[in-house]
Amino acid sequence: MPSLTLEEQEVIFTMSADKPDTWFVYSDYPKWQRKLERVGATVVRTEYGGGKHYTLPANQLSLRNPSKPRKPMTEAQKAQLAARLAAARANT
């Protein structure tokens, strides 16, 4: 199996107008292959060299606006989150 350098490894997400409910993904980058398989992407085809083609439901990918700041959490929300975390730690 040929080995690709980091500069040669890629991840490509595409969506066609006739199937707006599905993302088609190609990756020959092992880190992204593991991520895609962990979230339940379906392997459609594996190529010689390690590249894989996947399908992923459109609702599993969201695009965010990085320039839009998050709303700061209130003190009540912080306390609620801390209590939830403490309870989760106590259960492990």
C-alpha atoms as a PDB file:
ATOM      1  CA  MET A   1       0.000   0.000   0.000  1.00  0.00           C
ATOM      2  CA  PRO A   2       1.560   3.327  -0.978  1.00  0.00           C
ATOM      3  CA  SER A   3       2.127   5.778   1.827  1.00  0.00           C
ATOM      4  CA  LEU A   4       0.955   9.364   1.362  1.00  0.00           C
ATOM      5  CA  THR A   5       2.594  12.352   3.011  1.00  0.00           C
ATOM      6  CA  LEU A   6       0.474  14.622   5.202  1.00  0.00           C
ATOM      7  CA  GLU A   7       0.360  17.171   2.370  1.00  0.00           C
ATOM      8  CA  GLU A   8      -1.108  14.530   0.038  1.00  0.00           C
ATOM      9  CA  GLN A   9      -3.801  13.217   2.424  1.00  0.00           C
ATOM     10  CA  GLU A  10      -7.219  14.784   1.998  1.00  0.00           C
ATOM     11  CA  VAL A  11     -10.845  14.773   3.064  1.00  0.00           C
ATOM     12  CA  ILE A  12     -13.484  15.830   0.539  1.00  0.00           C
ATOM     13  CA  PHE A  13     -17.151  16.468   1.393  1.00  0.00           C
ATOM     14  CA  THR A  14     -19.582  16.770  -1.500  1.00  0.00           C
ATOM     15  CA  MET A  15     -23.337  16.997  -1.839  1.00  0.00           C
ATOM     16  CA  SER A  16     -25.212  16.853  -5.101  1.00  0.00           C
ATOM     17  CA  ALA A  17     -28.411  18.760  -5.820  1.00  0.00           C
ATOM     18  CA  ASP A  18     -30.325  15.568  -6.585  1.00  0.00           C
ATOM     19  CA  LYS A  19     -29.506  14.059  -3.141  1.00  0.00           C
ATOM     20  CA  PRO A  20     -29.565  16.956  -0.658  1.00  0.00           C
ATOM     21  CA  ASP A  21     -30.098  14.578   2.256  1.00  0.00           C
ATOM     22  CA  THR A  22     -26.696  12.840   1.858  1.00  0.00           C
ATOM     23  CA  TRP A  23     -23.076  13.897   2.112  1.00  0.00           C
ATOM     24  CA  PHE A  24     -20.577  11.932   0.039  1.00  0.00           C
ATOM     25  CA  VAL A  25     -17.161  11.880   1.655  1.00  0.00           C
ATOM     26  CA  TYR A  26     -13.772  10.697   0.434  1.00  0.00           C
ATOM     27  CA  SER A  27     -10.830  10.427   2.803  1.00  0.00           C
ATOM     28  CA  ASP A  28      -7.369   8.939   2.661  1.00  0.00           C
ATOM     29  CA  TYR A  29      -6.466  10.585   5.987  1.00  0.00           C
ATOM     30  CA  PRO A  30      -6.592   7.898   8.742  1.00  0.00           C
ATOM     31  CA  LYS A  31      -7.560  10.328  11.519  1.00  0.00           C
ATOM     32  CA  TRP A  32     -10.653  11.436   9.580  1.00  0.00           C
ATOM     33  CA  GLN A  33     -11.471   7.862   8.582  1.00  0.00           C
ATOM     34  CA  ARG A  34     -11.645   6.978  12.278  1.00  0.00           C
ATOM     35  CA  LYS A  35     -13.808  10.048  13.007  1.00  0.00           C
ATOM     36  CA  LEU A  36     -16.199   9.256  10.181  1.00  0.00           C
ATOM     37  CA  GLU A  37     -16.543   5.623  11.242  1.00  0.00           C
ATOM     38  CA  ARG A  38     -17.024   6.645  14.882  1.00  0.00           C
ATOM     39  CA  VAL A  39     -20.012   8.870  13.975  1.00  0.00           C
ATOM     40  CA  GLY A  40     -21.599   6.117  11.892  1.00  0.00           C
ATOM     41  CA  ALA A  41     -20.675   7.057   8.331  1.00  0.00           C
ATOM     42  CA  THR A  42     -21.239   4.152   5.957  1.00  0.00           C
ATOM     43  CA  VAL A  43     -18.185   2.881   4.067  1.00  0.00           C
ATOM     44  CA  VAL A  44     -19.230   2.567   0.429  1.00  0.00           C
ATOM     45  CA  ARG A  45     -15.931   1.624  -1.152  1.00  0.00           C
ATOM     46  CA  THR A  46     -12.285   1.171  -0.170  1.00  0.00           C
ATOM     47  CA  GLU A  47      -9.594   1.959  -2.705  1.00  0.00           C
ATOM     48  CA  TYR A  48      -6.115   0.590  -3.131  1.00  0.00           C
ATOM     49  CA  GLY A  49      -3.862   2.838  -1.109  1.00  0.00           C
ATOM     50  CA  GLY A  50      -6.246   3.204   1.820  1.00  0.00           C
ATOM     51  CA  GLY A  51      -8.703   5.814   0.542  1.00  0.00           C
ATOM     52  CA  LYS A  52     -12.325   5.256   1.523  1.00  0.00           C
ATOM     53  CA  HIS A  53     -15.625   6.595   0.212  1.00  0.00           C
ATOM     54  CA  TYR A  54     -18.419   7.178   2.729  1.00  0.00           C
ATOM     55  CA  THR A  55     -22.003   8.357   2.862  1.00  0.00           C
ATOM     56  CA  LEU A  56     -23.272  10.437   5.749  1.00  0.00           C
ATOM     57  CA  PRO A  57     -26.796  11.750   6.417  1.00  0.00           C
ATOM     58  CA  ALA A  58     -26.945  15.506   5.860  1.00  0.00           C
ATOM     59  CA  ASN A  59     -28.216  16.153   9.378  1.00  0.00           C
ATOM     60  CA  GLN A  60     -24.945  14.817  10.835  1.00  0.00           C
ATOM     61  CA  LEU A  61     -22.883  17.701   9.501  1.00  0.00           C
ATOM     62  CA  SER A  62     -23.380  21.280  10.577  1.00  0.00           C
ATOM     63  CA  LEU A  63     -21.570  24.374   9.413  1.00  0.00           C
ATOM     64  CA  ARG A  64     -20.949  27.137  11.914  1.00  0.00           C
ATOM     65  CA  ASN A  65     -20.098  30.789  11.605  1.00  0.00           C
ATOM     66  CA  PRO A  66     -16.806  31.237  13.495  1.00  0.00           C
ATOM     67  CA  SER A  67     -17.166  35.018  13.637  1.00  0.00           C
ATOM     68  CA  LYS A  68     -20.395  34.806  15.617  1.00  0.00           C
ATOM     69  CA  PRO A  69     -19.459  34.698  19.312  1.00  0.00           C
ATOM     70  CA  ARG A  70     -21.175  32.284  21.657  1.00  0.00           C
ATOM     71  CA  LYS A  71     -23.532  33.666  24.250  1.00  0.00           C
ATOM     72  CA  PRO A  72     -21.844  33.764  27.654  1.00  0.00           C
ATOM     73  CA  MET A  73     -23.242  31.347  30.207  1.00  0.00           C
ATOM     74  CA  THR A  74     -25.127  32.756  33.174  1.00  0.00           C
ATOM     75  CA  GLU A  75     -24.033  31.870  36.702  1.00  0.00           C
ATOM     76  CA  ALA A  76     -27.127  29.644  37.034  1.00  0.00           C
ATOM     77  CA  GLN A  77     -26.206  27.765  33.845  1.00  0.00           C
ATOM     78  CA  LYS A  78     -22.624  27.330  35.095  1.00  0.00           C
ATOM     79  CA  ALA A  79     -23.872  25.949  38.419  1.00  0.00           C
ATOM     80  CA  GLN A  80     -26.253  23.572  36.653  1.00  0.00           C
ATOM     81  CA  LEU A  81     -23.474  22.334  34.380  1.00  0.00           C
ATOM     82  CA  ALA A  82     -21.101  21.875  37.342  1.00  0.00           C
ATOM     83  CA  ALA A  83     -23.753  19.856  39.201  1.00  0.00           C
ATOM     84  CA  ARG A  84     -24.372  17.664  36.157  1.00  0.00           C
ATOM     85  CA  LEU A  85     -20.626  17.045  35.758  1.00  0.00           C
ATOM     86  CA  ALA A  86     -20.228  16.212  39.467  1.00  0.00           C
ATOM     87  CA  ALA A  87     -23.127  13.735  39.256  1.00  0.00           C
ATOM     88  CA  ALA A  88     -21.640  12.104  36.158  1.00  0.00           C
ATOM     89  CA  ARG A  89     -18.252  11.758  37.866  1.00  0.00           C
ATOM     90  CA  ALA A  90     -19.884  10.250  40.940  1.00  0.00           C
ATOM     91  CA  ASN A  91     -21.590   7.584  38.788  1.00  0.00           C
ATOM     92  CA  THR A  92     -18.327   6.339  37.227  1.00  0.00           C
END
